[in-house]
Amino acid sequence: MEHPILPLPHETQRLILRSPSPAYAAAIQEAVEESFAELHPWMPWAARLQSLDESKAYLERSEALFHSGEDFAVSGFLRDSGQFALGAGLHVRSWNVPKFEIGYWCRTSLQRRGYTTEAVTALTQIAFAQMGAMRVEIRCNSRNQRSRLVAERAGFRLEAELRSDDRANDGSLRDTIIYALYSAQVLARD
């Protein structure tokens, strides 16, 4: 059965959301290097700083997964300057429901300006309106206050806390917070 492909590019008020491409590797690598100290405690993929070649290879895999409908990594760029601002994703949790998980990070120099919430809101709207989502989740480390604020600002509701659910990059056990929105909640707001 064919599944829909995330319709990108998509423009928001201040961002252009694009599908992954190895052409973005240098810009993303620069942002990751700038932000690594802040990403490392929270993001499993930031357990160590990857090389530019590893970033290109990741983007090649992400591009293939995107076009096959298996996973939807997203690169966010500022509309006015074209600068890479953030990485996000609409990750398929189940096509059977269908349900998705949204992940995100913003480069350090552009944080606290609402870009991440803007991207999450757009991806949530697309998931429900164009991808057939019945449920969208955001999962994060319970101690990641900034990530939790993004979920709350984007209208997600706290649903659960999973104790000792995963390992943090430092090896310690971490609790996972799950925020969710359901199609009925979204329709009730509109």
N, C-alpha and C. Protein backbone atom coordinates (compact mmCIF):
# COMPACT_ATOMS: atom_id res chain seq x y z
N MET A 1 0.84 -1.18 0.00
CA MET A 1 0.00 0.00 0.00
C MET A 1 0.88 1.24 0.00
N GLU A 2 0.60 2.15 -0.89
CA GLU A 2 1.35 3.40 -0.98
C GLU A 2 0.92 4.36 0.13
N HIS A 3 1.89 5.01 0.72
CA HIS A 3 1.61 6.00 1.76
C HIS A 3 1.95 7.38 1.22
N PRO A 4 1.31 8.41 1.77
CA PRO A 4 1.61 9.77 1.29
C PRO A 4 3.03 10.19 1.66
N ILE A 5 3.57 11.05 0.86
CA ILE A 5 4.89 11.64 1.11
C ILE A 5 4.66 13.04 1.66
N LEU A 6 5.41 13.41 2.69
CA LEU A 6 5.28 14.73 3.29
C LEU A 6 5.45 15.80 2.20
N PRO A 7 4.46 16.67 2.01
CA PRO A 7 4.53 17.65 0.93
C PRO A 7 5.46 18.82 1.28
N LEU A 8 6.67 18.73 0.79
CA LEU A 8 7.67 19.77 0.99
C LEU A 8 8.23 20.17 -0.37
N PRO A 9 8.70 21.40 -0.51
CA PRO A 9 8.88 22.41 0.53
C PRO A 9 7.56 23.00 1.00
N HIS A 10 7.63 23.53 2.23
CA HIS A 10 6.47 24.17 2.86
C HIS A 10 6.96 25.46 3.50
N GLU A 11 6.26 26.55 3.22
CA GLU A 11 6.65 27.83 3.80
C GLU A 11 5.74 28.19 4.95
N THR A 12 6.36 28.64 6.04
CA THR A 12 5.64 29.21 7.17
C THR A 12 5.89 30.72 7.12
N GLN A 13 5.50 31.41 8.16
CA GLN A 13 5.71 32.86 8.17
C GLN A 13 7.18 33.22 8.02
N ARG A 14 8.07 32.47 8.69
CA ARG A 14 9.49 32.84 8.68
C ARG A 14 10.43 31.75 8.20
N LEU A 15 9.90 30.56 7.89
CA LEU A 15 10.75 29.42 7.56
C LEU A 15 10.36 28.80 6.22
N ILE A 16 11.32 28.11 5.62
CA ILE A 16 11.05 27.20 4.51
C ILE A 16 11.48 25.83 5.00
N LEU A 17 10.54 24.90 5.04
CA LEU A 17 10.83 23.52 5.44
C LEU A 17 11.06 22.71 4.18
N ARG A 18 12.21 22.02 4.14
CA ARG A 18 12.60 21.27 2.95
C ARG A 18 12.91 19.82 3.30
N SER A 19 12.78 18.95 2.31
CA SER A 19 13.16 17.55 2.49
C SER A 19 14.69 17.46 2.56
N PRO A 20 15.20 16.36 3.14
CA PRO A 20 16.65 16.24 3.33
C PRO A 20 17.39 16.13 2.00
N SER A 21 18.59 16.67 1.98
CA SER A 21 19.45 16.60 0.80
C SER A 21 20.90 16.70 1.23
N PRO A 22 21.78 15.89 0.63
CA PRO A 22 23.21 16.02 0.94
C PRO A 22 23.76 17.40 0.60
N ALA A 23 23.05 18.15 -0.25
CA ALA A 23 23.48 19.51 -0.60
C ALA A 23 23.49 20.42 0.62
N TYR A 24 22.75 20.06 1.67
CA TYR A 24 22.67 20.88 2.87
C TYR A 24 23.72 20.50 3.92
N ALA A 25 24.55 19.52 3.63
CA ALA A 25 25.45 18.96 4.65
C ALA A 25 26.34 20.01 5.31
N ALA A 26 26.96 20.88 4.55
CA ALA A 26 27.88 21.87 5.14
C ALA A 26 27.13 22.83 6.06
N ALA A 27 25.96 23.29 5.64
CA ALA A 27 25.18 24.22 6.47
C ALA A 27 24.70 23.54 7.75
N ILE A 28 24.27 22.30 7.65
CA ILE A 28 23.81 21.58 8.84
C ILE A 28 24.98 21.26 9.75
N GLN A 29 26.10 20.85 9.16
CA GLN A 29 27.29 20.55 9.97
C GLN A 29 27.73 21.78 10.77
N GLU A 30 27.70 22.94 10.14
CA GLU A 30 28.06 24.19 10.82
C GLU A 30 27.14 24.43 12.02
N ALA A 31 25.85 24.22 11.83
CA ALA A 31 24.88 24.42 12.91
C ALA A 31 25.05 23.40 14.02
N VAL A 32 25.33 22.16 13.67
CA VAL A 32 25.55 21.12 14.68
C VAL A 32 26.80 21.44 15.50
N GLU A 33 27.86 21.83 14.83
CA GLU A 33 29.10 22.18 15.55
C GLU A 33 28.86 23.36 16.49
N GLU A 34 28.13 24.36 16.01
CA GLU A 34 27.79 25.52 16.85
C GLU A 34 26.98 25.12 18.07
N SER A 35 26.12 24.13 17.92
CA SER A 35 25.12 23.78 18.94
C SER A 35 25.43 22.49 19.68
N PHE A 36 26.56 21.86 19.40
CA PHE A 36 26.81 20.52 19.92
C PHE A 36 26.72 20.43 21.44
N ALA A 37 27.26 21.40 22.15
CA ALA A 37 27.23 21.35 23.63
C ALA A 37 25.79 21.31 24.14
N GLU A 38 24.87 21.99 23.47
CA GLU A 38 23.47 21.98 23.89
C GLU A 38 22.72 20.74 23.39
N LEU A 39 23.14 20.18 22.28
CA LEU A 39 22.47 19.00 21.73
C LEU A 39 22.89 17.72 22.44
N HIS A 40 24.14 17.66 22.82
CA HIS A 40 24.72 16.42 23.37
C HIS A 40 23.93 15.80 24.53
N PRO A 41 23.46 16.56 25.51
CA PRO A 41 22.74 15.91 26.62
C PRO A 41 21.39 15.29 26.22
N TRP A 42 20.80 15.75 25.11
CA TRP A 42 19.42 15.37 24.81
C TRP A 42 19.24 14.48 23.60
N MET A 43 20.07 14.62 22.61
CA MET A 43 19.85 13.95 21.32
C MET A 43 20.72 12.69 21.20
N PRO A 44 20.11 11.54 21.04
CA PRO A 44 20.92 10.31 20.89
C PRO A 44 21.91 10.40 19.73
N TRP A 45 21.54 11.07 18.64
CA TRP A 45 22.44 11.19 17.50
C TRP A 45 23.62 12.12 17.78
N ALA A 46 23.56 12.87 18.89
CA ALA A 46 24.65 13.78 19.25
C ALA A 46 25.51 13.20 20.38
N ALA A 47 25.59 11.88 20.44
CA ALA A 47 26.46 11.25 21.44
C ALA A 47 27.91 11.65 21.19
N ARG A 48 28.24 11.86 19.91
CA ARG A 48 29.56 12.36 19.52
C ARG A 48 29.38 13.25 18.31
N LEU A 49 30.32 14.14 18.09
CA LEU A 49 30.25 15.06 16.95
C LEU A 49 30.65 14.30 15.69
N GLN A 50 29.76 14.26 14.73
CA GLN A 50 30.04 13.57 13.48
C GLN A 50 30.83 14.45 12.53
N SER A 51 31.52 13.81 11.60
CA SER A 51 32.28 14.52 10.57
C SER A 51 31.33 14.99 9.47
N LEU A 52 31.84 15.85 8.60
CA LEU A 52 31.06 16.32 7.46
C LEU A 52 30.69 15.14 6.55
N ASP A 53 31.60 14.21 6.34
CA ASP A 53 31.30 13.03 5.52
C ASP A 53 30.19 12.19 6.15
N GLU A 54 30.19 12.05 7.47
CA GLU A 54 29.12 11.31 8.14
C GLU A 54 27.78 12.05 8.02
N SER A 55 27.83 13.37 8.08
CA SER A 55 26.61 14.16 7.90
C SER A 55 26.05 13.99 6.49
N LYS A 56 26.91 13.99 5.49
CA LYS A 56 26.47 13.78 4.10
C LYS A 56 25.83 12.40 3.96
N ALA A 57 26.48 11.38 4.53
CA ALA A 57 25.94 10.02 4.44
C ALA A 57 24.58 9.93 5.13
N TYR A 58 24.44 10.58 6.30
CA TYR A 58 23.15 10.61 6.99
C TYR A 58 22.08 11.25 6.10
N LEU A 59 22.41 12.36 5.47
CA LEU A 59 21.45 13.06 4.62
C LEU A 59 21.09 12.23 3.38
N GLU A 60 22.04 11.48 2.85
CA GLU A 60 21.73 10.59 1.73
C GLU A 60 20.73 9.51 2.16
N ARG A 61 20.95 8.90 3.33
CA ARG A 61 20.01 7.89 3.85
C ARG A 61 18.65 8.52 4.13
N SER A 62 18.67 9.72 4.72
CA SER A 62 17.42 10.41 5.05
C SER A 62 16.63 10.76 3.79
N GLU A 63 17.33 11.16 2.75
CA GLU A 63 16.68 11.48 1.48
C GLU A 63 15.99 10.24 0.91
N ALA A 64 16.66 9.09 0.96
CA ALA A 64 16.07 7.84 0.45
C ALA A 64 14.85 7.44 1.28
N LEU A 65 14.96 7.54 2.60
CA LEU A 65 13.83 7.20 3.48
C LEU A 65 12.65 8.14 3.25
N PHE A 66 12.95 9.41 3.03
CA PHE A 66 11.90 10.40 2.76
C PHE A 66 11.11 10.00 1.53
N HIS A 67 11.81 9.73 0.44
CA HIS A 67 11.14 9.46 -0.83
C HIS A 67 10.43 8.10 -0.85
N SER A 68 10.83 7.20 0.06
CA SER A 68 10.15 5.91 0.15
C SER A 68 8.96 5.97 1.11
N GLY A 69 8.80 7.08 1.82
CA GLY A 69 7.69 7.24 2.76
C GLY A 69 7.92 6.56 4.10
N GLU A 70 9.16 6.20 4.40
CA GLU A 70 9.47 5.51 5.66
C GLU A 70 9.74 6.46 6.82
N ASP A 71 10.29 7.63 6.52
CA ASP A 71 10.63 8.60 7.56
C ASP A 71 10.81 9.95 6.88
N PHE A 72 10.45 11.02 7.60
CA PHE A 72 10.46 12.33 6.98
C PHE A 72 11.32 13.32 7.78
N ALA A 73 12.62 13.31 7.53
CA ALA A 73 13.50 14.32 8.11
C ALA A 73 13.23 15.64 7.39
N VAL A 74 13.37 16.74 8.13
CA VAL A 74 13.04 18.07 7.61
C VAL A 74 14.17 19.03 7.96
N SER A 75 14.56 19.84 7.00
CA SER A 75 15.54 20.90 7.22
C SER A 75 14.83 22.23 7.13
N GLY A 76 15.00 23.06 8.15
CA GLY A 76 14.34 24.36 8.20
C GLY A 76 15.32 25.49 7.94
N PHE A 77 14.97 26.36 7.02
CA PHE A 77 15.81 27.50 6.64
C PHE A 77 15.02 28.79 6.83
N LEU A 78 15.72 29.85 7.22
CA LEU A 78 15.08 31.16 7.34
C LEU A 78 14.68 31.66 5.95
N ARG A 79 13.45 32.13 5.84
CA ARG A 79 12.97 32.63 4.54
C ARG A 79 13.74 33.85 4.08
N ASP A 80 14.08 34.74 5.01
CA ASP A 80 14.69 36.01 4.58
C ASP A 80 16.16 35.89 4.21
N SER A 81 16.91 34.97 4.84
CA SER A 81 18.34 34.89 4.58
C SER A 81 18.79 33.55 3.97
N GLY A 82 17.96 32.51 4.09
CA GLY A 82 18.35 31.20 3.60
C GLY A 82 19.22 30.42 4.57
N GLN A 83 19.50 30.99 5.74
CA GLN A 83 20.35 30.33 6.74
C GLN A 83 19.65 29.09 7.30
N PHE A 84 20.43 28.01 7.47
CA PHE A 84 19.87 26.81 8.10
C PHE A 84 19.56 27.15 9.56
N ALA A 85 18.32 26.88 9.98
CA ALA A 85 17.88 27.25 11.33
C ALA A 85 17.67 26.04 12.23
N LEU A 86 17.08 24.98 11.68
CA LEU A 86 16.71 23.87 12.56
C LEU A 86 16.53 22.58 11.77
N GLY A 87 16.63 21.51 12.52
CA GLY A 87 16.32 20.19 12.00
C GLY A 87 15.07 19.70 12.70
N ALA A 88 14.25 18.98 11.97
CA ALA A 88 13.04 18.43 12.55
C ALA A 88 12.74 17.13 11.82
N GLY A 89 11.67 16.50 12.22
CA GLY A 89 11.28 15.29 11.54
C GLY A 89 9.85 14.93 11.88
N LEU A 90 9.18 14.37 10.90
CA LEU A 90 7.88 13.77 11.11
C LEU A 90 8.13 12.28 10.93
N HIS A 91 8.31 11.59 12.05
CA HIS A 91 8.73 10.20 12.04
C HIS A 91 7.52 9.28 12.13
N VAL A 92 7.45 8.35 11.21
CA VAL A 92 6.33 7.41 11.15
C VAL A 92 6.44 6.44 12.33
N ARG A 93 5.44 6.44 13.19
CA ARG A 93 5.37 5.47 14.29
C ARG A 93 4.51 4.28 13.88
N SER A 94 3.48 4.54 13.07
CA SER A 94 2.63 3.47 12.57
C SER A 94 1.77 4.00 11.44
N TRP A 95 1.85 3.36 10.28
CA TRP A 95 0.95 3.71 9.19
C TRP A 95 -0.43 3.10 9.44
N ASN A 96 -0.50 2.10 10.31
CA ASN A 96 -1.77 1.43 10.59
C ASN A 96 -2.77 2.37 11.25
N VAL A 97 -2.28 3.31 12.10
CA VAL A 97 -3.20 4.18 12.84
C VAL A 97 -3.78 5.28 11.93
N PRO A 98 -3.02 6.11 11.23
CA PRO A 98 -1.60 6.43 11.24
C PRO A 98 -1.23 7.40 12.39
N LYS A 99 0.01 7.20 12.88
CA LYS A 99 0.52 8.11 13.91
C LYS A 99 1.98 8.42 13.63
N PHE A 100 2.37 9.60 14.08
CA PHE A 100 3.70 10.13 13.83
C PHE A 100 4.28 10.70 15.11
N GLU A 101 5.60 10.84 15.12
CA GLU A 101 6.30 11.53 16.20
C GLU A 101 7.07 12.68 15.57
N ILE A 102 7.02 13.83 16.21
CA ILE A 102 7.79 14.98 15.74
C ILE A 102 9.01 15.15 16.64
N GLY A 103 10.16 15.26 16.01
CA GLY A 103 11.40 15.57 16.70
C GLY A 103 11.94 16.90 16.19
N TYR A 104 12.81 17.54 16.98
CA TYR A 104 13.28 18.86 16.57
C TYR A 104 14.51 19.29 17.34
N TRP A 105 15.27 20.20 16.73
CA TRP A 105 16.36 20.92 17.39
C TRP A 105 16.58 22.21 16.61
N CYS A 106 17.06 23.21 17.31
CA CYS A 106 17.32 24.51 16.69
C CYS A 106 18.76 24.92 16.99
N ARG A 107 19.41 25.50 16.01
CA ARG A 107 20.79 25.94 16.23
C ARG A 107 20.82 26.99 17.35
N THR A 108 21.87 26.97 18.11
CA THR A 108 21.99 27.79 19.31
C THR A 108 21.77 29.28 19.04
N SER A 109 22.37 29.80 17.99
CA SER A 109 22.29 31.25 17.73
C SER A 109 20.89 31.72 17.34
N LEU A 110 19.98 30.79 17.05
CA LEU A 110 18.62 31.18 16.64
C LEU A 110 17.56 30.72 17.63
N GLN A 111 17.98 30.25 18.79
CA GLN A 111 17.01 29.79 19.78
C GLN A 111 16.30 30.96 20.43
N ARG A 112 15.17 30.64 21.07
CA ARG A 112 14.34 31.60 21.82
C ARG A 112 13.70 32.67 20.93
N ARG A 113 13.43 32.30 19.69
CA ARG A 113 12.76 33.21 18.77
C ARG A 113 11.47 32.61 18.21
N GLY A 114 11.14 31.39 18.64
CA GLY A 114 9.90 30.75 18.22
C GLY A 114 9.99 29.96 16.93
N TYR A 115 11.18 29.82 16.35
CA TYR A 115 11.30 29.08 15.09
C TYR A 115 10.91 27.62 15.25
N THR A 116 11.33 27.00 16.35
CA THR A 116 11.04 25.58 16.54
C THR A 116 9.54 25.36 16.69
N THR A 117 8.89 26.19 17.49
CA THR A 117 7.44 26.07 17.66
C THR A 117 6.72 26.28 16.32
N GLU A 118 7.21 27.21 15.54
CA GLU A 118 6.63 27.47 14.21
C GLU A 118 6.73 26.24 13.32
N ALA A 119 7.90 25.60 13.32
CA ALA A 119 8.10 24.40 12.51
C ALA A 119 7.24 23.24 13.02
N VAL A 120 7.19 23.05 14.34
CA VAL A 120 6.40 21.96 14.92
C VAL A 120 4.92 22.16 14.62
N THR A 121 4.44 23.38 14.74
CA THR A 121 3.04 23.68 14.43
C THR A 121 2.73 23.35 12.97
N ALA A 122 3.62 23.75 12.08
CA ALA A 122 3.41 23.47 10.65
C ALA A 122 3.40 21.97 10.38
N LEU A 123 4.36 21.24 10.94
CA LEU A 123 4.41 19.79 10.72
C LEU A 123 3.18 19.10 11.30
N THR A 124 2.70 19.58 12.43
CA THR A 124 1.50 19.01 13.05
C THR A 124 0.29 19.22 12.14
N GLN A 125 0.14 20.43 11.63
CA GLN A 125 -0.98 20.72 10.73
C GLN A 125 -0.92 19.86 9.47
N ILE A 126 0.27 19.71 8.90
CA ILE A 126 0.43 18.89 7.70
C ILE A 126 0.11 17.43 8.01
N ALA A 127 0.58 16.95 9.17
CA ALA A 127 0.33 15.56 9.54
C ALA A 127 -1.15 15.24 9.57
N PHE A 128 -1.93 16.12 10.20
CA PHE A 128 -3.37 15.88 10.30
C PHE A 128 -4.10 16.16 8.98
N ALA A 129 -3.77 17.26 8.33
CA ALA A 129 -4.53 17.68 7.15
C ALA A 129 -4.16 16.92 5.88
N GLN A 130 -2.89 16.53 5.75
CA GLN A 130 -2.45 15.96 4.47
C GLN A 130 -1.87 14.55 4.57
N MET A 131 -1.48 14.13 5.77
CA MET A 131 -0.87 12.80 5.91
C MET A 131 -1.83 11.79 6.54
N GLY A 132 -3.03 12.24 6.91
CA GLY A 132 -4.02 11.33 7.47
C GLY A 132 -3.78 10.94 8.91
N ALA A 133 -2.97 11.70 9.64
CA ALA A 133 -2.66 11.34 11.03
C ALA A 133 -3.90 11.34 11.91
N MET A 134 -3.96 10.37 12.78
CA MET A 134 -4.97 10.33 13.83
C MET A 134 -4.34 10.73 15.16
N ARG A 135 -2.99 10.60 15.25
CA ARG A 135 -2.27 10.91 16.48
C ARG A 135 -0.87 11.40 16.11
N VAL A 136 -0.41 12.45 16.81
CA VAL A 136 0.95 12.95 16.67
C VAL A 136 1.53 13.08 18.07
N GLU A 137 2.75 12.58 18.25
CA GLU A 137 3.41 12.61 19.55
C GLU A 137 4.68 13.44 19.49
N ILE A 138 5.06 13.93 20.65
CA ILE A 138 6.39 14.49 20.89
C ILE A 138 6.92 13.79 22.13
N ARG A 139 8.10 13.19 22.02
CA ARG A 139 8.73 12.50 23.15
C ARG A 139 10.04 13.22 23.46
N CYS A 140 10.31 13.39 24.74
CA CYS A 140 11.57 14.02 25.11
C CYS A 140 11.99 13.58 26.51
N ASN A 141 13.25 13.81 26.81
CA ASN A 141 13.78 13.57 28.14
C ASN A 141 13.00 14.47 29.10
N SER A 142 12.59 13.93 30.22
CA SER A 142 11.77 14.70 31.17
C SER A 142 12.48 15.93 31.69
N ARG A 143 13.81 15.95 31.65
CA ARG A 143 14.58 17.11 32.14
C ARG A 143 14.82 18.16 31.07
N ASN A 144 14.42 17.89 29.83
CA ASN A 144 14.66 18.83 28.73
C ASN A 144 13.53 19.87 28.71
N GLN A 145 13.69 20.90 29.53
CA GLN A 145 12.65 21.90 29.69
C GLN A 145 12.34 22.66 28.40
N ARG A 146 13.35 22.96 27.60
CA ARG A 146 13.10 23.70 26.35
C ARG A 146 12.25 22.88 25.38
N SER A 147 12.54 21.60 25.29
CA SER A 147 11.76 20.75 24.41
C SER A 147 10.32 20.63 24.90
N ARG A 148 10.16 20.53 26.19
CA ARG A 148 8.82 20.45 26.76
C ARG A 148 8.03 21.73 26.47
N LEU A 149 8.68 22.89 26.58
CA LEU A 149 8.00 24.16 26.29
C LEU A 149 7.54 24.25 24.84
N VAL A 150 8.37 23.75 23.92
CA VAL A 150 7.97 23.76 22.51
C VAL A 150 6.70 22.94 22.33
N ALA A 151 6.67 21.75 22.91
CA ALA A 151 5.48 20.88 22.79
C ALA A 151 4.24 21.60 23.33
N GLU A 152 4.38 22.22 24.48
CA GLU A 152 3.24 22.90 25.10
C GLU A 152 2.81 24.11 24.29
N ARG A 153 3.76 24.88 23.79
CA ARG A 153 3.41 26.05 22.97
C ARG A 153 2.73 25.66 21.67
N ALA A 154 3.07 24.47 21.16
CA ALA A 154 2.46 23.99 19.92
C ALA A 154 1.11 23.32 20.16
N GLY A 155 0.64 23.33 21.41
CA GLY A 155 -0.69 22.83 21.72
C GLY A 155 -0.77 21.37 22.10
N PHE A 156 0.37 20.70 22.27
CA PHE A 156 0.36 19.30 22.66
C PHE A 156 0.05 19.18 24.15
N ARG A 157 -0.56 18.08 24.51
CA ARG A 157 -0.94 17.84 25.91
C ARG A 157 -0.11 16.72 26.49
N LEU A 158 0.34 16.93 27.73
CA LEU A 158 1.12 15.92 28.42
C LEU A 158 0.26 14.68 28.61
N GLU A 159 0.76 13.55 28.17
CA GLU A 159 0.00 12.31 28.24
C GLU A 159 0.61 11.30 29.21
N ALA A 160 1.95 11.20 29.25
CA ALA A 160 2.57 10.16 30.07
C ALA A 160 4.01 10.50 30.40
N GLU A 161 4.50 9.88 31.46
CA GLU A 161 5.91 9.90 31.79
C GLU A 161 6.34 8.46 31.98
N LEU A 162 7.28 8.03 31.17
CA LEU A 162 7.79 6.67 31.24
C LEU A 162 9.08 6.69 32.07
N ARG A 163 9.05 6.08 33.22
CA ARG A 163 10.20 6.08 34.14
C ARG A 163 11.27 5.11 33.65
N SER A 164 12.52 5.55 33.77
CA SER A 164 13.68 4.73 33.39
C SER A 164 13.47 4.08 32.03
N ASP A 165 13.06 4.89 31.07
CA ASP A 165 12.66 4.41 29.76
C ASP A 165 13.81 4.24 28.78
N ASP A 166 14.89 4.98 28.98
CA ASP A 166 15.97 4.97 28.00
C ASP A 166 17.26 5.39 28.70
N ARG A 167 18.35 5.34 27.96
CA ARG A 167 19.64 5.82 28.47
C ARG A 167 19.96 7.17 27.84
N ALA A 168 20.44 8.08 28.65
CA ALA A 168 20.94 9.37 28.15
C ALA A 168 22.33 9.14 27.57
N ASN A 169 22.86 10.13 26.87
CA ASN A 169 24.19 10.00 26.28
C ASN A 169 25.29 9.79 27.31
N ASP A 170 25.05 10.21 28.55
CA ASP A 170 26.06 9.99 29.60
C ASP A 170 25.92 8.61 30.24
N GLY A 171 24.99 7.79 29.76
CA GLY A 171 24.80 6.45 30.28
C GLY A 171 23.78 6.31 31.39
N SER A 172 23.33 7.44 31.94
CA SER A 172 22.35 7.38 33.03
C SER A 172 20.96 7.03 32.48
N LEU A 173 20.13 6.47 33.34
CA LEU A 173 18.75 6.22 32.96
C LEU A 173 18.00 7.54 32.90
N ARG A 174 17.10 7.65 31.98
CA ARG A 174 16.31 8.86 31.84
C ARG A 174 14.84 8.51 31.76
N ASP A 175 14.01 9.45 32.15
CA ASP A 175 12.57 9.32 32.01
C ASP A 175 12.16 10.01 30.71
N THR A 176 11.15 9.47 30.04
CA THR A 176 10.67 10.03 28.79
C THR A 176 9.26 10.59 29.01
N ILE A 177 9.09 11.83 28.57
CA ILE A 177 7.79 12.50 28.61
C ILE A 177 7.15 12.33 27.23
N ILE A 178 5.86 12.03 27.22
CA ILE A 178 5.12 11.92 25.96
C ILE A 178 4.01 12.96 25.94
N TYR A 179 4.06 13.81 24.94
CA TYR A 179 2.99 14.75 24.64
C TYR A 179 2.26 14.23 23.41
N ALA A 180 0.97 14.50 23.31
CA ALA A 180 0.23 14.01 22.15
C ALA A 180 -0.89 14.96 21.77
N LEU A 181 -1.26 14.86 20.52
CA LEU A 181 -2.46 15.49 19.97
C LEU A 181 -3.17 14.43 19.14
N TYR A 182 -4.49 14.47 19.16
CA TYR A 182 -5.32 13.54 18.40
C TYR A 182 -6.11 14.31 17.38
N SER A 183 -6.52 13.64 16.33
CA SER A 183 -7.26 14.34 15.27
C SER A 183 -8.52 15.01 15.82
N ALA A 184 -9.21 14.38 16.75
CA ALA A 184 -10.43 14.99 17.31
C ALA A 184 -10.11 16.29 18.04
N GLN A 185 -8.94 16.35 18.72
CA GLN A 185 -8.55 17.58 19.42
C GLN A 185 -8.27 18.69 18.43
N VAL A 186 -7.63 18.36 17.34
CA VAL A 186 -7.29 19.35 16.33
C VAL A 186 -8.55 19.87 15.66
N LEU A 187 -9.47 18.96 15.32
CA LEU A 187 -10.72 19.38 14.69
C LEU A 187 -11.55 20.25 15.64
N ALA A 188 -11.50 19.95 16.93
CA ALA A 188 -12.26 20.74 17.91
C ALA A 188 -11.71 22.16 18.03
N ARG A 189 -10.41 22.35 17.81
CA ARG A 189 -9.80 23.68 17.89
C ARG A 189 -10.12 24.53 16.66
N ASP A 190 -10.31 23.89 15.52
CA ASP A 190 -10.52 24.63 14.26
C ASP A 190 -11.92 25.20 14.13
